[in-house]
Amino acid sequence: MTENDEQLIRQLEEELKKLNVADLLVQTVYTVSSLGYRKLADEDRDLDQARLAIEALRALVPVLEGSVGEDALRDFRQVTSNLQLAYADAAKGKVEDA
């Protein structure tokens, strides 16, 4: 291992010390919800992936209780509900198109 590699590892370890699990989960919720909506768009439609995003949100959001504010939890629950409704509309459209 070179000195540069060791320095990079030390820098990564320092960054990990600063990282907060709740912050990472919040970012994950944002990313998963964005990707879920993207998978419902006509040009990228993948209902299995959208459903997986919904299930991930349904699992992650309750874990954040007590770690983030009530406003954030309310927003995350609303995003999950909106994504579920959009999924239902997309799935219904798929059936009607068949």
PDB file of N, CA and C in Angstrom:
ATOM      1  N   MET A   1       0.853  -1.168   0.000  1.00  0.00           N
ATOM      2  CA  MET A   1       0.000   0.000   0.000  1.00  0.00           C
ATOM      3  C   MET A   1       0.909   1.244   0.000  1.00  0.00           C
ATOM      4  N   THR A   2       0.585   2.159  -0.883  1.00  0.00           N
ATOM      5  CA  THR A   2       1.404   3.362  -0.992  1.00  0.00           C
ATOM      6  C   THR A   2       1.002   4.385   0.067  1.00  0.00           C
ATOM      7  N   GLU A   3       1.845   5.379   0.218  1.00  0.00           N
ATOM      8  CA  GLU A   3       1.546   6.448   1.169  1.00  0.00           C
ATOM      9  C   GLU A   3       0.268   7.185   0.777  1.00  0.00           C
ATOM     10  N   ASN A   4       0.041   7.360  -0.521  1.00  0.00           N
ATOM     11  CA  ASN A   4      -1.182   8.006  -0.995  1.00  0.00           C
ATOM     12  C   ASN A   4      -2.409   7.185  -0.620  1.00  0.00           C
ATOM     13  N   ASP A   5      -2.304   5.863  -0.739  1.00  0.00           N
ATOM     14  CA  ASP A   5      -3.416   4.983  -0.369  1.00  0.00           C
ATOM     15  C   ASP A   5      -3.722   5.107   1.121  1.00  0.00           C
ATOM     16  N   GLU A   6      -2.674   5.118   1.927  1.00  0.00           N
ATOM     17  CA  GLU A   6      -2.856   5.239   3.364  1.00  0.00           C
ATOM     18  C   GLU A   6      -3.483   6.580   3.736  1.00  0.00           C
ATOM     19  N   GLN A   7      -3.068   7.632   3.048  1.00  0.00           N
ATOM     20  CA  GLN A   7      -3.636   8.958   3.298  1.00  0.00           C
ATOM     21  C   GLN A   7      -5.117   8.984   2.908  1.00  0.00           C
ATOM     22  N   LEU A   8      -5.447   8.367   1.804  1.00  0.00           N
ATOM     23  CA  LEU A   8      -6.846   8.303   1.363  1.00  0.00           C
ATOM     24  C   LEU A   8      -7.695   7.538   2.377  1.00  0.00           C
ATOM     25  N   ILE A   9      -7.170   6.444   2.877  1.00  0.00           N
ATOM     26  CA  ILE A   9      -7.888   5.660   3.886  1.00  0.00           C
ATOM     27  C   ILE A   9      -8.108   6.493   5.149  1.00  0.00           C
ATOM     28  N   ARG A  10      -7.102   7.225   5.586  1.00  0.00           N
ATOM     29  CA  ARG A  10      -7.242   8.084   6.771  1.00  0.00           C
ATOM     30  C   ARG A  10      -8.309   9.154   6.542  1.00  0.00           C
ATOM     31  N   GLN A  11      -8.308   9.745   5.349  1.00  0.00           N
ATOM     32  CA  GLN A  11      -9.312  10.770   5.031  1.00  0.00           C
ATOM     33  C   GLN A  11     -10.713  10.167   5.043  1.00  0.00           C
ATOM     34  N   LEU A  12     -10.872   8.987   4.471  1.00  0.00           N
ATOM     35  CA  LEU A  12     -12.174   8.324   4.463  1.00  0.00           C
ATOM     36  C   LEU A  12     -12.628   8.003   5.884  1.00  0.00           C
ATOM     37  N   GLU A  13     -11.705   7.543   6.714  1.00  0.00           N
ATOM     38  CA  GLU A  13     -12.045   7.246   8.100  1.00  0.00           C
ATOM     39  C   GLU A  13     -12.497   8.499   8.845  1.00  0.00           C
ATOM     40  N   GLU A  14     -11.843   9.625   8.594  1.00  0.00           N
ATOM     41  CA  GLU A  14     -12.236  10.889   9.217  1.00  0.00           C
ATOM     42  C   GLU A  14     -13.635  11.308   8.765  1.00  0.00           C
ATOM     43  N   GLU A  15     -13.917  11.133   7.484  1.00  0.00           N
ATOM     44  CA  GLU A  15     -15.246  11.466   6.961  1.00  0.00           C
ATOM     45  C   GLU A  15     -16.310  10.565   7.574  1.00  0.00           C
ATOM     46  N   LEU A  16     -16.009   9.288   7.726  1.00  0.00           N
ATOM     47  CA  LEU A  16     -16.967   8.358   8.338  1.00  0.00           C
ATOM     48  C   LEU A  16     -17.268   8.737   9.784  1.00  0.00           C
ATOM     49  N   LYS A  17     -16.286   9.255  10.501  1.00  0.00           N
ATOM     50  CA  LYS A  17     -16.503   9.684  11.879  1.00  0.00           C
ATOM     51  C   LYS A  17     -17.516  10.822  11.949  1.00  0.00           C
ATOM     52  N   LYS A  18     -17.536  11.666  10.929  1.00  0.00           N
ATOM     53  CA  LYS A  18     -18.440  12.814  10.889  1.00  0.00           C
ATOM     54  C   LYS A  18     -19.850  12.421  10.468  1.00  0.00           C
ATOM     55  N   LEU A  19     -19.965  11.306   9.766  1.00  0.00           N
ATOM     56  CA  LEU A  19     -21.236  10.900   9.180  1.00  0.00           C
ATOM     57  C   LEU A  19     -22.224  10.467  10.250  1.00  0.00           C
ATOM     58  N   ASN A  20     -23.451  10.895  10.101  1.00  0.00           N
ATOM     59  CA  ASN A  20     -24.534  10.582  11.012  1.00  0.00           C
ATOM     60  C   ASN A  20     -25.486   9.634  10.279  1.00  0.00           C
ATOM     61  N   VAL A  21     -25.867   8.537  10.909  1.00  0.00           N
ATOM     62  CA  VAL A  21     -26.722   7.546  10.260  1.00  0.00           C
ATOM     63  C   VAL A  21     -28.056   8.159   9.854  1.00  0.00           C
ATOM     64  N   ALA A  22     -28.632   8.975  10.705  1.00  0.00           N
ATOM     65  CA  ALA A  22     -29.916   9.604  10.376  1.00  0.00           C
ATOM     66  C   ALA A  22     -29.794  10.464   9.120  1.00  0.00           C
ATOM     67  N   ASP A  23     -28.691  11.211   9.009  1.00  0.00           N
ATOM     68  CA  ASP A  23     -28.490  12.039   7.820  1.00  0.00           C
ATOM     69  C   ASP A  23     -28.391  11.175   6.565  1.00  0.00           C
ATOM     70  N   LEU A  24     -27.694  10.061   6.672  1.00  0.00           N
ATOM     71  CA  LEU A  24     -27.564   9.154   5.534  1.00  0.00           C
ATOM     72  C   LEU A  24     -28.923   8.563   5.160  1.00  0.00           C
ATOM     73  N   LEU A  25     -29.719   8.208   6.160  1.00  0.00           N
ATOM     74  CA  LEU A  25     -31.052   7.663   5.881  1.00  0.00           C
ATOM     75  C   LEU A  25     -31.963   8.705   5.238  1.00  0.00           C
ATOM     76  N   VAL A  26     -31.876   9.935   5.692  1.00  0.00           N
ATOM     77  CA  VAL A  26     -32.666  11.010   5.079  1.00  0.00           C
ATOM     78  C   VAL A  26     -32.273  11.157   3.613  1.00  0.00           C
ATOM     79  N   GLN A  27     -30.992  11.172   3.336  1.00  0.00           N
ATOM     80  CA  GLN A  27     -30.537  11.267   1.946  1.00  0.00           C
ATOM     81  C   GLN A  27     -31.006  10.067   1.137  1.00  0.00           C
ATOM     82  N   THR A  28     -31.004   8.903   1.751  1.00  0.00           N
ATOM     83  CA  THR A  28     -31.479   7.696   1.077  1.00  0.00           C
ATOM     84  C   THR A  28     -32.964   7.804   0.750  1.00  0.00           C
ATOM     85  N   VAL A  29     -33.745   8.325   1.684  1.00  0.00           N
ATOM     86  CA  VAL A  29     -35.179   8.515   1.433  1.00  0.00           C
ATOM     87  C   VAL A  29     -35.381   9.446   0.239  1.00  0.00           C
ATOM     88  N   TYR A  30     -34.645  10.546   0.197  1.00  0.00           N
ATOM     89  CA  TYR A  30     -34.747  11.460  -0.948  1.00  0.00           C
ATOM     90  C   TYR A  30     -34.378  10.752  -2.249  1.00  0.00           C
ATOM     91  N   THR A  31     -33.293  10.028  -2.223  1.00  0.00           N
ATOM     92  CA  THR A  31     -32.815   9.357  -3.435  1.00  0.00           C
ATOM     93  C   THR A  31     -33.800   8.289  -3.902  1.00  0.00           C
ATOM     94  N   VAL A  32     -34.270   7.473  -2.972  1.00  0.00           N
ATOM     95  CA  VAL A  32     -35.206   6.399  -3.323  1.00  0.00           C
ATOM     96  C   VAL A  32     -36.517   6.978  -3.845  1.00  0.00           C
ATOM     97  N   SER A  33     -37.009   8.035  -3.227  1.00  0.00           N
ATOM     98  CA  SER A  33     -38.266   8.619  -3.703  1.00  0.00           C
ATOM     99  C   SER A  33     -38.089   9.216  -5.097  1.00  0.00           C
ATOM    100  N   SER A  34     -36.984   9.888  -5.330  1.00  0.00           N
ATOM    101  CA  SER A  34     -36.727  10.454  -6.664  1.00  0.00           C
ATOM    102  C   SER A  34     -36.632   9.357  -7.712  1.00  0.00           C
ATOM    103  N   LEU A  35     -35.920   8.307  -7.382  1.00  0.00           N
ATOM    104  CA  LEU A  35     -35.780   7.196  -8.317  1.00  0.00           C
ATOM    105  C   LEU A  35     -37.120   6.502  -8.542  1.00  0.00           C
ATOM    106  N   GLY A  36     -37.903   6.375  -7.481  1.00  0.00           N
ATOM    107  CA  GLY A  36     -39.233   5.771  -7.618  1.00  0.00           C
ATOM    108  C   GLY A  36     -40.106   6.548  -8.585  1.00  0.00           C
ATOM    109  N   TYR A  37     -40.118   7.867  -8.441  1.00  0.00           N
ATOM    110  CA  TYR A  37     -40.887   8.691  -9.382  1.00  0.00           C
ATOM    111  C   TYR A  37     -40.347   8.553 -10.795  1.00  0.00           C
ATOM    112  N   ARG A  38     -39.035   8.492 -10.913  1.00  0.00           N
ATOM    113  CA  ARG A  38     -38.419   8.353 -12.233  1.00  0.00           C
ATOM    114  C   ARG A  38     -38.863   7.053 -12.910  1.00  0.00           C
ATOM    115  N   LYS A  39     -39.001   6.001 -12.120  1.00  0.00           N
ATOM    116  CA  LYS A  39     -39.402   4.706 -12.666  1.00  0.00           C
ATOM    117  C   LYS A  39     -40.886   4.665 -13.036  1.00  0.00           C
ATOM    118  N   LEU A  40     -41.623   5.702 -12.683  1.00  0.00           N
ATOM    119  CA  LEU A  40     -43.027   5.809 -13.091  1.00  0.00           C
ATOM    120  C   LEU A  40     -43.208   6.674 -14.333  1.00  0.00           C
ATOM    121  N   ALA A  41     -42.157   7.381 -14.725  1.00  0.00           N
ATOM    122  CA  ALA A  41     -42.235   8.233 -15.915  1.00  0.00           C
ATOM    123  C   ALA A  41     -42.382   7.357 -17.160  1.00  0.00           C
ATOM    124  N   ASP A  42     -43.113   7.858 -18.135  1.00  0.00           N
ATOM    125  CA  ASP A  42     -43.369   7.086 -19.351  1.00  0.00           C
ATOM    126  C   ASP A  42     -42.092   6.572 -20.003  1.00  0.00           C
ATOM    127  N   GLU A  43     -41.078   7.425 -20.068  1.00  0.00           N
ATOM    128  CA  GLU A  43     -39.858   7.038 -20.786  1.00  0.00           C
ATOM    129  C   GLU A  43     -39.002   6.028 -20.017  1.00  0.00           C
ATOM    130  N   ASP A  44     -39.175   5.921 -18.703  1.00  0.00           N
ATOM    131  CA  ASP A  44     -38.378   4.992 -17.890  1.00  0.00           C
ATOM    132  C   ASP A  44     -39.250   4.036 -17.085  1.00  0.00           C
ATOM    133  N   ARG A  45     -40.457   3.793 -17.527  1.00  0.00           N
ATOM    134  CA  ARG A  45     -41.424   3.025 -16.726  1.00  0.00           C
ATOM    135  C   ARG A  45     -40.905   1.646 -16.369  1.00  0.00           C
ATOM    136  N   ASP A  46     -40.859   1.387 -15.077  1.00  0.00           N
ATOM    137  CA  ASP A  46     -40.488   0.080 -14.542  1.00  0.00           C
ATOM    138  C   ASP A  46     -41.259  -0.072 -13.231  1.00  0.00           C
ATOM    139  N   LEU A  47     -42.441  -0.668 -13.326  1.00  0.00           N
ATOM    140  CA  LEU A  47     -43.322  -0.745 -12.165  1.00  0.00           C
ATOM    141  C   LEU A  47     -42.735  -1.590 -11.042  1.00  0.00           C
ATOM    142  N   ASP A  48     -41.960  -2.616 -11.381  1.00  0.00           N
ATOM    143  CA  ASP A  48     -41.332  -3.421 -10.327  1.00  0.00           C
ATOM    144  C   ASP A  48     -40.355  -2.581  -9.510  1.00  0.00           C
ATOM    145  N   GLN A  49     -39.572  -1.748 -10.191  1.00  0.00           N
ATOM    146  CA  GLN A  49     -38.623  -0.888  -9.489  1.00  0.00           C
ATOM    147  C   GLN A  49     -39.353   0.190  -8.684  1.00  0.00           C
ATOM    148  N   ALA A  50     -40.436   0.726  -9.219  1.00  0.00           N
ATOM    149  CA  ALA A  50     -41.222   1.724  -8.492  1.00  0.00           C
ATOM    150  C   ALA A  50     -41.831   1.103  -7.235  1.00  0.00           C
ATOM    151  N   ARG A  51     -42.325  -0.119  -7.359  1.00  0.00           N
ATOM    152  CA  ARG A  51     -42.902  -0.811  -6.207  1.00  0.00           C
ATOM    153  C   ARG A  51     -41.826  -1.060  -5.149  1.00  0.00           C
ATOM    154  N   LEU A  52     -40.623  -1.433  -5.589  1.00  0.00           N
ATOM    155  CA  LEU A  52     -39.518  -1.646  -4.657  1.00  0.00           C
ATOM    156  C   LEU A  52     -39.165  -0.345  -3.930  1.00  0.00           C
ATOM    157  N   ALA A  53     -39.198   0.769  -4.632  1.00  0.00           N
ATOM    158  CA  ALA A  53     -38.940   2.072  -4.013  1.00  0.00           C
ATOM    159  C   ALA A  53     -39.988   2.366  -2.945  1.00  0.00           C
ATOM    160  N   ILE A  54     -41.232   2.087  -3.240  1.00  0.00           N
ATOM    161  CA  ILE A  54     -42.310   2.315  -2.271  1.00  0.00           C
ATOM    162  C   ILE A  54     -42.094   1.458  -1.031  1.00  0.00           C
ATOM    163  N   GLU A  55     -41.784   0.195  -1.231  1.00  0.00           N
ATOM    164  CA  GLU A  55     -41.565  -0.697  -0.091  1.00  0.00           C
ATOM    165  C   GLU A  55     -40.361  -0.248   0.740  1.00  0.00           C
ATOM    166  N   ALA A  56     -39.319   0.230   0.075  1.00  0.00           N
ATOM    167  CA  ALA A  56     -38.148   0.731   0.799  1.00  0.00           C
ATOM    168  C   ALA A  56     -38.521   1.945   1.644  1.00  0.00           C
ATOM    169  N   LEU A  57     -39.301   2.853   1.074  1.00  0.00           N
ATOM    170  CA  LEU A  57     -39.737   4.035   1.829  1.00  0.00           C
ATOM    171  C   LEU A  57     -40.603   3.636   3.017  1.00  0.00           C
ATOM    172  N   ARG A  58     -41.485   2.686   2.788  1.00  0.00           N
ATOM    173  CA  ARG A  58     -42.360   2.226   3.873  1.00  0.00           C
ATOM    174  C   ARG A  58     -41.554   1.606   5.012  1.00  0.00           C
ATOM    175  N   ALA A  59     -40.388   1.046   4.691  1.00  0.00           N
ATOM    176  CA  ALA A  59     -39.527   0.466   5.725  1.00  0.00           C
ATOM    177  C   ALA A  59     -38.653   1.523   6.389  1.00  0.00           C
ATOM    178  N   LEU A  60     -38.135   2.459   5.601  1.00  0.00           N
ATOM    179  CA  LEU A  60     -37.174   3.436   6.126  1.00  0.00           C
ATOM    180  C   LEU A  60     -37.799   4.560   6.941  1.00  0.00           C
ATOM    181  N   VAL A  61     -38.924   5.069   6.491  1.00  0.00           N
ATOM    182  CA  VAL A  61     -39.502   6.249   7.149  1.00  0.00           C
ATOM    183  C   VAL A  61     -39.789   6.001   8.630  1.00  0.00           C
ATOM    184  N   PRO A  62     -40.408   4.881   9.023  1.00  0.00           N
ATOM    185  CA  PRO A  62     -40.639   4.669  10.460  1.00  0.00           C
ATOM    186  C   PRO A  62     -39.351   4.583  11.284  1.00  0.00           C
ATOM    187  N   VAL A  63     -38.271   4.133  10.684  1.00  0.00           N
ATOM    188  CA  VAL A  63     -36.993   4.030  11.386  1.00  0.00           C
ATOM    189  C   VAL A  63     -36.486   5.410  11.798  1.00  0.00           C
ATOM    190  N   LEU A  64     -36.863   6.429  11.051  1.00  0.00           N
ATOM    191  CA  LEU A  64     -36.395   7.794  11.318  1.00  0.00           C
ATOM    192  C   LEU A  64     -37.136   8.479  12.462  1.00  0.00           C
ATOM    193  N   GLU A  65     -38.225   7.871  12.945  1.00  0.00           N
ATOM    194  CA  GLU A  65     -38.969   8.474  14.052  1.00  0.00           C
ATOM    195  C   GLU A  65     -38.043   8.668  15.248  1.00  0.00           C
ATOM    196  N   GLY A  66     -38.059   9.865  15.794  1.00  0.00           N
ATOM    197  CA  GLY A  66     -37.209  10.188  16.926  1.00  0.00           C
ATOM    198  C   GLY A  66     -35.833  10.698  16.527  1.00  0.00           C
ATOM    199  N   SER A  67     -35.484  10.546  15.248  1.00  0.00           N
ATOM    200  CA  SER A  67     -34.173  11.006  14.772  1.00  0.00           C
ATOM    201  C   SER A  67     -34.259  12.239  13.900  1.00  0.00           C
ATOM    202  N   VAL A  68     -35.441  12.495  13.364  1.00  0.00           N
ATOM    203  CA  VAL A  68     -35.673  13.693  12.558  1.00  0.00           C
ATOM    204  C   VAL A  68     -36.942  14.356  13.075  1.00  0.00           C
ATOM    205  N   GLY A  69     -37.147  15.592  12.680  1.00  0.00           N
ATOM    206  CA  GLY A  69     -38.309  16.335  13.150  1.00  0.00           C
ATOM    207  C   GLY A  69     -39.625  15.800  12.603  1.00  0.00           C
ATOM    208  N   GLU A  70     -40.678  16.140  13.301  1.00  0.00           N
ATOM    209  CA  GLU A  70     -42.017  15.702  12.882  1.00  0.00           C
ATOM    210  C   GLU A  70     -42.386  16.231  11.497  1.00  0.00           C
ATOM    211  N   ASP A  71     -41.930  17.451  11.169  1.00  0.00           N
ATOM    212  CA  ASP A  71     -42.219  18.006   9.848  1.00  0.00           C
ATOM    213  C   ASP A  71     -41.597  17.144   8.751  1.00  0.00           C
ATOM    214  N   ALA A  72     -40.368  16.719   8.966  1.00  0.00           N
ATOM    215  CA  ALA A  72     -39.695  15.872   7.982  1.00  0.00           C
ATOM    216  C   ALA A  72     -40.408  14.531   7.862  1.00  0.00           C
ATOM    217  N   LEU A  73     -40.794  13.950   8.983  1.00  0.00           N
ATOM    218  CA  LEU A  73     -41.517  12.675   8.939  1.00  0.00           C
ATOM    219  C   LEU A  73     -42.834  12.818   8.191  1.00  0.00           C
ATOM    220  N   ARG A  74     -43.545  13.901   8.476  1.00  0.00           N
ATOM    221  CA  ARG A  74     -44.806  14.142   7.774  1.00  0.00           C
ATOM    222  C   ARG A  74     -44.564  14.248   6.278  1.00  0.00           C
ATOM    223  N   ASP A  75     -43.532  14.983   5.881  1.00  0.00           N
ATOM    224  CA  ASP A  75     -43.215  15.127   4.461  1.00  0.00           C
ATOM    225  C   ASP A  75     -42.855  13.789   3.830  1.00  0.00           C
ATOM    226  N   PHE A  76     -42.058  12.979   4.538  1.00  0.00           N
ATOM    227  CA  PHE A  76     -41.666  11.673   3.996  1.00  0.00           C
ATOM    228  C   PHE A  76     -42.875  10.750   3.852  1.00  0.00           C
ATOM    229  N   ARG A  77     -43.784  10.811   4.820  1.00  0.00           N
ATOM    230  CA  ARG A  77     -45.009   9.999   4.716  1.00  0.00           C
ATOM    231  C   ARG A  77     -45.860  10.457   3.536  1.00  0.00           C
ATOM    232  N   GLN A  78     -45.924  11.770   3.330  1.00  0.00           N
ATOM    233  CA  GLN A  78     -46.692  12.305   2.209  1.00  0.00           C
ATOM    234  C   GLN A  78     -46.071  11.893   0.875  1.00  0.00           C
ATOM    235  N   VAL A  79     -44.759  11.953   0.789  1.00  0.00           N
ATOM    236  CA  VAL A  79     -44.073  11.528  -0.432  1.00  0.00           C
ATOM    237  C   VAL A  79     -44.372  10.055  -0.707  1.00  0.00           C
ATOM    238  N   THR A  80     -44.328   9.233   0.335  1.00  0.00           N
ATOM    239  CA  THR A  80     -44.616   7.807   0.169  1.00  0.00           C
ATOM    240  C   THR A  80     -46.047   7.611  -0.328  1.00  0.00           C
ATOM    241  N   SER A  81     -46.997   8.315   0.268  1.00  0.00           N
ATOM    242  CA  SER A  81     -48.396   8.215  -0.162  1.00  0.00           C
ATOM    243  C   SER A  81     -48.570   8.678  -1.607  1.00  0.00           C
ATOM    244  N   ASN A  82     -47.938   9.792  -1.946  1.00  0.00           N
ATOM    245  CA  ASN A  82     -48.041  10.308  -3.317  1.00  0.00           C
ATOM    246  C   ASN A  82     -47.440   9.326  -4.322  1.00  0.00           C
ATOM    247  N   LEU A  83     -46.332   8.718  -3.952  1.00  0.00           N
ATOM    248  CA  LEU A  83     -45.700   7.743  -4.837  1.00  0.00           C
ATOM    249  C   LEU A  83     -46.597   6.514  -5.005  1.00  0.00           C
ATOM    250  N   GLN A  84     -47.254   6.110  -3.930  1.00  0.00           N
ATOM    251  CA  GLN A  84     -48.183   4.981  -4.021  1.00  0.00           C
ATOM    252  C   GLN A  84     -49.341   5.312  -4.964  1.00  0.00           C
ATOM    253  N   LEU A  85     -49.863   6.515  -4.862  1.00  0.00           N
ATOM    254  CA  LEU A  85     -50.954   6.919  -5.748  1.00  0.00           C
ATOM    255  C   LEU A  85     -50.492   6.978  -7.207  1.00  0.00           C
ATOM    256  N   ALA A  86     -49.306   7.525  -7.428  1.00  0.00           N
ATOM    257  CA  ALA A  86     -48.758   7.592  -8.782  1.00  0.00           C
ATOM    258  C   ALA A  86     -48.522   6.190  -9.333  1.00  0.00           C
ATOM    259  N   TYR A  87     -48.084   5.291  -8.486  1.00  0.00           N
ATOM    260  CA  TYR A  87     -47.882   3.898  -8.899  1.00  0.00           C
ATOM    261  C   TYR A  87     -49.222   3.276  -9.305  1.00  0.00           C
ATOM    262  N   ALA A  88     -50.245   3.504  -8.486  1.00  0.00           N
ATOM    263  CA  ALA A  88     -51.571   2.950  -8.801  1.00  0.00           C
ATOM    264  C   ALA A  88     -52.071   3.482 -10.138  1.00  0.00           C
ATOM    265  N   ASP A  89     -51.889   4.760 -10.372  1.00  0.00           N
ATOM    266  CA  ASP A  89     -52.291   5.340 -11.659  1.00  0.00           C
ATOM    267  C   ASP A  89     -51.505   4.729 -12.807  1.00  0.00           C
ATOM    268  N   ALA A  90     -50.213   4.560 -12.629  1.00  0.00           N
ATOM    269  CA  ALA A  90     -49.374   3.985 -13.683  1.00  0.00           C
ATOM    270  C   ALA A  90     -49.747   2.537 -13.941  1.00  0.00           C
ATOM    271  N   ALA A  91     -50.002   1.779 -12.867  1.00  0.00           N
ATOM    272  CA  ALA A  91     -50.375   0.375 -13.025  1.00  0.00           C
ATOM    273  C   ALA A  91     -51.729   0.254 -13.703  1.00  0.00           C
ATOM    274  N   LYS A  92     -52.650   1.139 -13.364  1.00  0.00           N
ATOM    275  CA  LYS A  92     -53.965   1.138 -13.995  1.00  0.00           C
ATOM    276  C   LYS A  92     -53.840   1.451 -15.475  1.00  0.00           C
ATOM    277  N   GLY A  93     -52.988   2.400 -15.809  1.00  0.00           N
ATOM    278  CA  GLY A  93     -52.756   2.758 -17.204  1.00  0.00           C
ATOM    279  C   GLY A  93     -52.176   1.595 -17.982  1.00  0.00           C
ATOM    280  N   LYS A  94     -51.333   0.807 -17.334  1.00  0.00           N
ATOM    281  CA  LYS A  94     -50.721  -0.360 -17.987  1.00  0.00           C
ATOM    282  C   LYS A  94     -51.795  -1.385 -18.321  1.00  0.00           C
ATOM    283  N   VAL A  95     -52.726  -1.591 -17.378  1.00  0.00           N
ATOM    284  CA  VAL A  95     -53.804  -2.551 -17.599  1.00  0.00           C
ATOM    285  C   VAL A  95     -54.714  -2.072 -18.728  1.00  0.00           C
ATOM    286  N   GLU A  96     -55.033  -0.767 -18.734  1.00  0.00           N
ATOM    287  CA  GLU A  96     -55.904  -0.222 -19.764  1.00  0.00           C
ATOM    288  C   GLU A  96     -55.243  -0.288 -21.134  1.00  0.00           C
ATOM    289  N   ASP A  97     -53.909  -0.153 -21.185  1.00  0.00           N
ATOM    290  CA  ASP A  97     -53.189  -0.204 -22.461  1.00  0.00           C
ATOM    291  C   ASP A  97     -53.108  -1.613 -23.015  1.00  0.00           C
ATOM    292  N   ALA A  98     -53.234  -2.612 -22.134  1.00  0.00           N
ATOM    293  CA  ALA A  98     -53.062  -4.007 -22.577  1.00  0.00           C
ATOM    294  C   ALA A  98     -54.200  -4.486 -23.435  1.00  0.00           C
TER     295      ALA A  98
END
